[in-house]
Amino acid sequence: MGNDQSGVRSRSQGRNSTKSLLSTSIVVVNDGASTSASISDVNAELDLRRIKEIPHFLPLMQGVLPGYRDLPEILLKIDPRPIYRFLQRLQQHFRECTEAVTTEQGRIFAHIVEIDQLALSLVKKVTNSNKKLDILGNELKKVVVISEQIDTAQVIYEV
């Protein structure tokens, strides 16, 4: 075999001789005459037939099909009534959802307004309290100044 490859023959002759050599030297491993293999083959054929009997799924939109772009029979096979009913139900569902969302948004907005009013009233109360505290702080400073003046006057009169 090594001599054949390193010989002076042309490439095409070498290929032809190896093909003929391979075709005459086929070895059969399993003759396939066993009964269990034939039963499984029959079952496999039945399964394949059943699979082939399953109808092909075609999408609803014609443009999705790569090879079936111009097939009007697909449109004829599709019944629009169930699709129309589905779309009507979907539209009704969306309408109900929007009503629920708008009522919830109205409640949330009213709650926000109420909380905003409460926050404003709290801010007003806090600012009024701060003003009163500032006034009382100023009055207390005056009292402290007067108290210091009285203490200094007492010290002066005691002497």
C-alpha atoms as a PDB file:
ATOM      1  CA  MET A   1       0.000   0.000   0.000  1.00  0.00           C
ATOM      2  CA  GLY A   2       2.829   2.390   0.755  1.00  0.00           C
ATOM      3  CA  ASN A   3       4.468   1.525  -2.560  1.00  0.00           C
ATOM      4  CA  ASP A   4       1.279   2.336  -4.469  1.00  0.00           C
ATOM      5  CA  GLN A   5       1.165   5.813  -3.034  1.00  0.00           C
ATOM      6  CA  SER A   6       4.783   6.614  -3.713  1.00  0.00           C
ATOM      7  CA  GLY A   7       4.741   5.189  -7.246  1.00  0.00           C
ATOM      8  CA  VAL A   8       5.176   7.062 -10.490  1.00  0.00           C
ATOM      9  CA  ARG A   9       1.481   6.784 -11.435  1.00  0.00           C
ATOM     10  CA  SER A  10      -0.576   9.887 -11.990  1.00  0.00           C
ATOM     11  CA  ARG A  11      -3.028  11.045  -9.379  1.00  0.00           C
ATOM     12  CA  SER A  12      -6.159  10.055 -11.294  1.00  0.00           C
ATOM     13  CA  GLN A  13      -4.946   6.500 -11.722  1.00  0.00           C
ATOM     14  CA  GLY A  14      -4.183   6.280  -7.982  1.00  0.00           C
ATOM     15  CA  ARG A  15      -7.680   7.429  -7.089  1.00  0.00           C
ATOM     16  CA  ASN A  16      -9.385   5.021  -9.452  1.00  0.00           C
ATOM     17  CA  SER A  17      -7.418   2.083  -8.115  1.00  0.00           C
ATOM     18  CA  THR A  18      -8.274   2.958  -4.485  1.00  0.00           C
ATOM     19  CA  LYS A  19     -11.978   3.279  -5.375  1.00  0.00           C
ATOM     20  CA  SER A  20     -12.027  -0.128  -6.995  1.00  0.00           C
ATOM     21  CA  LEU A  21     -10.093  -1.557  -4.072  1.00  0.00           C
ATOM     22  CA  LEU A  22     -12.625  -0.121  -1.580  1.00  0.00           C
ATOM     23  CA  SER A  23     -15.681  -1.263  -3.547  1.00  0.00           C
ATOM     24  CA  THR A  24     -14.486  -4.875  -3.653  1.00  0.00           C
ATOM     25  CA  SER A  25     -13.534  -4.978   0.015  1.00  0.00           C
ATOM     26  CA  ILE A  26     -16.881  -4.084   1.659  1.00  0.00           C
ATOM     27  CA  VAL A  27     -17.391  -5.967   4.882  1.00  0.00           C
ATOM     28  CA  VAL A  28     -20.964  -6.634   6.077  1.00  0.00           C
ATOM     29  CA  VAL A  29     -21.240  -6.341   9.848  1.00  0.00           C
ATOM     30  CA  ASN A  30     -24.957  -7.063  10.236  1.00  0.00           C
ATOM     31  CA  ASP A  31     -27.007  -8.754   7.546  1.00  0.00           C
ATOM     32  CA  GLY A  32     -30.263  -7.140   8.795  1.00  0.00           C
ATOM     33  CA  ALA A  33     -32.243 -10.366   8.607  1.00  0.00           C
ATOM     34  CA  SER A  34     -33.045 -10.551  12.310  1.00  0.00           C
ATOM     35  CA  THR A  35     -36.754 -10.414  13.207  1.00  0.00           C
ATOM     36  CA  SER A  36     -36.380  -7.814  15.965  1.00  0.00           C
ATOM     37  CA  ALA A  37     -34.771  -5.394  13.536  1.00  0.00           C
ATOM     38  CA  SER A  38     -37.600  -5.856  11.033  1.00  0.00           C
ATOM     39  CA  ILE A  39     -40.240  -5.208  13.731  1.00  0.00           C
ATOM     40  CA  SER A  40     -38.480  -2.039  14.821  1.00  0.00           C
ATOM     41  CA  ASP A  41     -38.201  -0.994  11.162  1.00  0.00           C
ATOM     42  CA  VAL A  42     -41.952  -1.475  10.718  1.00  0.00           C
ATOM     43  CA  ASN A  43     -42.605   0.568  13.865  1.00  0.00           C
ATOM     44  CA  ALA A  44     -40.221   3.246  12.652  1.00  0.00           C
ATOM     45  CA  GLU A  45     -41.991   3.335   9.288  1.00  0.00           C
ATOM     46  CA  LEU A  46     -45.365   3.666  11.008  1.00  0.00           C
ATOM     47  CA  ASP A  47     -44.019   6.509  13.139  1.00  0.00           C
ATOM     48  CA  LEU A  48     -42.615   8.228  10.077  1.00  0.00           C
ATOM     49  CA  ARG A  49     -45.940   7.887   8.267  1.00  0.00           C
ATOM     50  CA  ARG A  50     -47.789   9.356  11.247  1.00  0.00           C
ATOM     51  CA  ILE A  51     -45.365  12.255  11.426  1.00  0.00           C
ATOM     52  CA  LYS A  52     -45.775  12.905   7.702  1.00  0.00           C
ATOM     53  CA  GLU A  53     -49.576  12.950   8.130  1.00  0.00           C
ATOM     54  CA  ILE A  54     -49.366  15.889  10.568  1.00  0.00           C
ATOM     55  CA  PRO A  55     -50.426  19.012   8.675  1.00  0.00           C
ATOM     56  CA  HIS A  56     -47.887  21.771   8.262  1.00  0.00           C
ATOM     57  CA  PHE A  57     -48.294  24.906  10.333  1.00  0.00           C
ATOM     58  CA  LEU A  58     -48.526  28.058   8.298  1.00  0.00           C
ATOM     59  CA  PRO A  59     -48.353  31.427  10.038  1.00  0.00           C
ATOM     60  CA  LEU A  60     -51.260  33.819   9.821  1.00  0.00           C
ATOM     61  CA  MET A  61     -49.284  36.534   8.097  1.00  0.00           C
ATOM     62  CA  GLN A  62     -48.416  35.795   4.502  1.00  0.00           C
ATOM     63  CA  GLY A  63     -45.276  37.937   4.488  1.00  0.00           C
ATOM     64  CA  VAL A  64     -43.664  35.764   7.171  1.00  0.00           C
ATOM     65  CA  LEU A  65     -43.338  32.803   4.825  1.00  0.00           C
ATOM     66  CA  PRO A  66     -40.081  33.030   2.866  1.00  0.00           C
ATOM     67  CA  GLY A  67     -41.116  30.836  -0.073  1.00  0.00           C
ATOM     68  CA  TYR A  68     -44.849  31.511  -0.015  1.00  0.00           C
ATOM     69  CA  ARG A  69     -44.931  35.249  -0.549  1.00  0.00           C
ATOM     70  CA  ASP A  70     -47.470  35.245  -3.385  1.00  0.00           C
ATOM     71  CA  LEU A  71     -49.867  32.476  -2.401  1.00  0.00           C
ATOM     72  CA  PRO A  72     -53.482  33.681  -2.344  1.00  0.00           C
ATOM     73  CA  GLU A  73     -54.733  30.211  -1.341  1.00  0.00           C
ATOM     74  CA  ILE A  74     -53.266  30.730   2.116  1.00  0.00           C
ATOM     75  CA  LEU A  75     -55.478  33.757   2.535  1.00  0.00           C
ATOM     76  CA  LEU A  76     -58.449  31.731   1.353  1.00  0.00           C
ATOM     77  CA  LYS A  77     -57.759  29.022   3.944  1.00  0.00           C
ATOM     78  CA  ILE A  78     -57.724  31.477   6.851  1.00  0.00           C
ATOM     79  CA  ASP A  79     -61.130  32.172   8.359  1.00  0.00           C
ATOM     80  CA  PRO A  80     -61.201  35.819   9.520  1.00  0.00           C
ATOM     81  CA  ARG A  81     -64.164  35.453  11.894  1.00  0.00           C
ATOM     82  CA  PRO A  82     -62.264  33.867  14.822  1.00  0.00           C
ATOM     83  CA  ILE A  83     -59.488  36.400  14.397  1.00  0.00           C
ATOM     84  CA  TYR A  84     -62.028  39.226  14.340  1.00  0.00           C
ATOM     85  CA  ARG A  85     -63.735  37.879  17.503  1.00  0.00           C
ATOM     86  CA  PHE A  86     -60.361  37.548  19.210  1.00  0.00           C
ATOM     87  CA  LEU A  87     -59.436  41.113  18.303  1.00  0.00           C
ATOM     88  CA  GLN A  88     -62.813  42.379  19.549  1.00  0.00           C
ATOM     89  CA  ARG A  89     -62.293  40.574  22.866  1.00  0.00           C
ATOM     90  CA  LEU A  90     -58.783  41.995  23.063  1.00  0.00           C
ATOM     91  CA  GLN A  91     -60.096  45.502  22.376  1.00  0.00           C
ATOM     92  CA  GLN A  92     -62.778  45.088  25.062  1.00  0.00           C
ATOM     93  CA  HIS A  93     -60.144  43.850  27.502  1.00  0.00           C
ATOM     94  CA  PHE A  94     -57.942  46.866  26.760  1.00  0.00           C
ATOM     95  CA  ARG A  95     -60.949  49.177  27.202  1.00  0.00           C
ATOM     96  CA  GLU A  96     -61.698  47.657  30.621  1.00  0.00           C
ATOM     97  CA  CYS A  97     -58.042  47.913  31.588  1.00  0.00           C
ATOM     98  CA  THR A  98     -57.913  51.587  30.595  1.00  0.00           C
ATOM     99  CA  GLU A  99     -61.044  52.297  32.637  1.00  0.00           C
ATOM    100  CA  ALA A 100     -59.503  50.596  35.664  1.00  0.00           C
ATOM    101  CA  VAL A 101     -56.260  52.497  35.180  1.00  0.00           C
ATOM    102  CA  THR A 102     -58.008  55.866  34.801  1.00  0.00           C
ATOM    103  CA  THR A 103     -60.102  55.347  37.947  1.00  0.00           C
ATOM    104  CA  GLU A 104     -57.000  54.319  39.861  1.00  0.00           C
ATOM    105  CA  GLN A 105     -55.122  57.338  38.511  1.00  0.00           C
ATOM    106  CA  GLY A 106     -58.004  59.592  39.611  1.00  0.00           C
ATOM    107  CA  ARG A 107     -57.878  58.117  43.113  1.00  0.00           C
ATOM    108  CA  ILE A 108     -54.119  58.513  43.244  1.00  0.00           C
ATOM    109  CA  PHE A 109     -54.361  62.121  42.028  1.00  0.00           C
ATOM    110  CA  ALA A 110     -56.995  62.945  44.677  1.00  0.00           C
ATOM    111  CA  HIS A 111     -54.798  61.349  47.326  1.00  0.00           C
ATOM    112  CA  ILE A 112     -51.796  63.361  46.103  1.00  0.00           C
ATOM    113  CA  VAL A 113     -53.823  66.600  46.304  1.00  0.00           C
ATOM    114  CA  GLU A 114     -54.964  65.709  49.824  1.00  0.00           C
ATOM    115  CA  ILE A 115     -51.422  64.942  50.956  1.00  0.00           C
ATOM    116  CA  ASP A 116     -50.180  68.143  49.304  1.00  0.00           C
ATOM    117  CA  GLN A 117     -52.763  70.187  51.236  1.00  0.00           C
ATOM    118  CA  LEU A 118     -51.783  68.469  54.484  1.00  0.00           C
ATOM    119  CA  ALA A 119     -48.126  69.166  53.788  1.00  0.00           C
ATOM    120  CA  LEU A 120     -48.874  72.843  53.075  1.00  0.00           C
ATOM    121  CA  SER A 121     -50.856  73.180  56.305  1.00  0.00           C
ATOM    122  CA  LEU A 122     -47.992  71.565  58.228  1.00  0.00           C
ATOM    123  CA  VAL A 123     -45.498  73.940  56.616  1.00  0.00           C
ATOM    124  CA  LYS A 124     -47.710  76.915  57.582  1.00  0.00           C
ATOM    125  CA  LYS A 125     -47.963  75.684  61.173  1.00  0.00           C
ATOM    126  CA  VAL A 126     -44.210  75.157  61.377  1.00  0.00           C
ATOM    127  CA  THR A 127     -43.467  78.631  59.972  1.00  0.00           C
ATOM    128  CA  ASN A 128     -45.956  80.213  62.417  1.00  0.00           C
ATOM    129  CA  SER A 129     -44.360  78.296  65.277  1.00  0.00           C
ATOM    130  CA  ASN A 130     -40.903  79.434  64.159  1.00  0.00           C
ATOM    131  CA  LYS A 131     -42.090  83.052  64.018  1.00  0.00           C
ATOM    132  CA  LYS A 132     -43.542  82.774  67.535  1.00  0.00           C
ATOM    133  CA  LEU A 133     -40.334  81.160  68.790  1.00  0.00           C
ATOM    134  CA  ASP A 134     -38.279  83.962  67.229  1.00  0.00           C
ATOM    135  CA  ILE A 135     -40.496  86.567  68.920  1.00  0.00           C
ATOM    136  CA  LEU A 136     -40.262  84.742  72.257  1.00  0.00           C
ATOM    137  CA  GLY A 137     -36.489  84.406  71.817  1.00  0.00           C
ATOM    138  CA  ASN A 138     -36.198  88.162  71.263  1.00  0.00           C
ATOM    139  CA  GLU A 139     -38.367  88.830  74.338  1.00  0.00           C
ATOM    140  CA  LEU A 140     -36.195  86.452  76.375  1.00  0.00           C
ATOM    141  CA  LYS A 141     -33.078  88.308  75.259  1.00  0.00           C
ATOM    142  CA  LYS A 142     -34.694  91.537  76.419  1.00  0.00           C
ATOM    143  CA  VAL A 143     -35.510  89.914  79.773  1.00  0.00           C
ATOM    144  CA  VAL A 144     -31.908  88.733  80.108  1.00  0.00           C
ATOM    145  CA  VAL A 145     -30.618  92.234  79.321  1.00  0.00           C
ATOM    146  CA  ILE A 146     -33.015  93.769  81.870  1.00  0.00           C
ATOM    147  CA  SER A 147     -32.011  91.138  84.441  1.00  0.00           C
ATOM    148  CA  GLU A 148     -28.359  91.988  83.927  1.00  0.00           C
ATOM    149  CA  GLN A 149     -29.144  95.692  84.286  1.00  0.00           C
ATOM    150  CA  ILE A 150     -31.027  95.011  87.536  1.00  0.00           C
ATOM    151  CA  ASP A 151     -28.102  92.942  88.855  1.00  0.00           C
ATOM    152  CA  THR A 152     -25.635  95.718  88.045  1.00  0.00           C
ATOM    153  CA  ALA A 153     -27.951  98.302  89.629  1.00  0.00           C
ATOM    154  CA  GLN A 154     -28.184  96.216  92.807  1.00  0.00           C
ATOM    155  CA  VAL A 155     -24.411  95.938  92.950  1.00  0.00           C
ATOM    156  CA  ILE A 156     -24.081  99.703  92.509  1.00  0.00           C
ATOM    157  CA  TYR A 157     -26.659 100.517  95.240  1.00  0.00           C
ATOM    158  CA  GLU A 158     -25.177  98.127  97.754  1.00  0.00           C
ATOM    159  CA  VAL A 159     -21.933  99.875  97.817  1.00  0.00           C
END
